[in-house]
Amino acid sequence: MCVTAYLLVTLLHLRAKQKTTFAGGPRRLLAEWAEVRCCRLIDMTGNKGRPRVRWQIQEFDQDRKPMVEALHALPVVG
């Protein structure tokens, strides 16, 4: 499990360096991404059927937006 996590972080770090101007290391990359939070809201409508599920992204520093978008780190919200 640890080897898989290490390989994923290394891959994301390399892509961040290639696609953006990111100059930090893997730990800094994870620290910056830790501030981007996504949550799933489940609304019970009272009607029959499945509840309504929505995704919501917490506001984050817009300086990180190019890197997050370049690495496709945000889920499709809609």
Protein backbone atom coordinates (compact mmCIF):
# COMPACT_ATOMS: atom_id res chain seq x y z
CA MET A 1 0.00 0.00 0.00
CA CYS A 2 2.81 2.42 0.86
CA VAL A 3 4.59 1.71 -2.41
CA THR A 4 1.41 2.47 -4.37
CA ALA A 5 0.93 5.75 -2.52
CA TYR A 6 4.56 6.69 -3.11
CA LEU A 7 4.27 5.96 -6.84
CA LEU A 8 1.07 8.01 -7.15
CA VAL A 9 2.57 11.00 -5.34
CA THR A 10 5.70 10.78 -7.47
CA LEU A 11 3.64 10.66 -10.66
CA LEU A 12 1.53 13.66 -9.62
CA HIS A 13 4.66 15.58 -8.65
CA LEU A 14 6.27 14.92 -12.04
CA ARG A 15 3.11 15.97 -13.88
CA ALA A 16 2.84 19.12 -11.76
CA LYS A 17 6.40 20.05 -12.70
CA GLN A 18 5.82 19.32 -16.40
CA LYS A 19 2.41 20.96 -16.87
CA THR A 20 2.75 23.93 -14.51
CA THR A 21 5.44 26.06 -12.94
CA PHE A 22 5.40 24.10 -9.68
CA ALA A 23 8.87 24.14 -8.12
CA GLY A 24 8.28 22.42 -4.77
CA GLY A 25 8.68 18.83 -3.72
CA PRO A 26 6.11 16.07 -3.27
CA ARG A 27 5.42 17.02 0.36
CA ARG A 28 4.69 20.61 -0.57
CA LEU A 29 2.38 19.43 -3.35
CA LEU A 30 0.37 17.32 -0.91
CA ALA A 31 0.31 20.15 1.63
CA GLU A 32 -1.13 22.55 -0.94
CA TRP A 33 -3.73 20.04 -2.10
CA ALA A 34 -4.78 19.33 1.48
CA GLU A 35 -6.45 22.74 1.49
CA VAL A 36 -8.71 21.90 -1.48
CA ARG A 37 -11.73 20.13 -0.04
CA CYS A 38 -14.67 18.51 -1.75
CA CYS A 39 -17.78 17.28 -0.01
CA ARG A 40 -20.90 15.42 -1.06
CA LEU A 41 -24.22 16.82 0.13
CA ILE A 42 -27.18 14.46 0.35
CA ASP A 43 -30.61 16.12 0.39
CA MET A 44 -33.56 14.05 1.51
CA THR A 45 -36.39 15.52 -0.57
CA GLY A 46 -39.18 13.57 1.08
CA ASN A 47 -40.26 12.18 -2.28
CA LYS A 48 -39.99 8.55 -3.30
CA GLY A 49 -36.78 7.46 -4.90
CA ARG A 50 -33.18 8.32 -4.36
CA PRO A 51 -32.09 11.39 -2.42
CA ARG A 52 -30.56 14.30 -4.31
CA VAL A 53 -26.75 14.23 -4.20
CA ARG A 54 -24.66 17.32 -4.92
CA TRP A 55 -20.91 17.93 -4.94
CA GLN A 56 -19.51 21.13 -3.49
CA ILE A 57 -15.94 22.43 -3.64
CA GLN A 58 -14.75 24.55 -0.74
CA GLU A 59 -13.35 27.91 -1.79
CA PHE A 60 -9.58 27.85 -2.09
CA ASP A 61 -6.77 30.20 -3.02
CA GLN A 62 -7.06 31.06 -6.73
CA ASP A 63 -3.26 30.90 -7.09
CA ARG A 64 -3.59 27.10 -6.90
CA LYS A 65 -6.33 26.89 -9.53
CA PRO A 66 -4.07 26.48 -12.63
CA MET A 67 -2.19 23.56 -11.07
CA VAL A 68 -5.35 21.88 -9.80
CA GLU A 69 -7.03 22.21 -13.20
CA ALA A 70 -3.93 21.08 -15.11
CA LEU A 71 -3.81 17.85 -13.10
CA HIS A 72 -7.60 17.34 -13.25
CA ALA A 73 -7.79 17.28 -9.46
CA LEU A 74 -11.29 18.75 -9.22
CA PRO A 75 -14.30 16.49 -9.71
CA VAL A 76 -16.94 17.39 -12.25
CA VAL A 77 -19.51 19.41 -10.32
CA GLY A 78 -22.91 19.91 -11.76
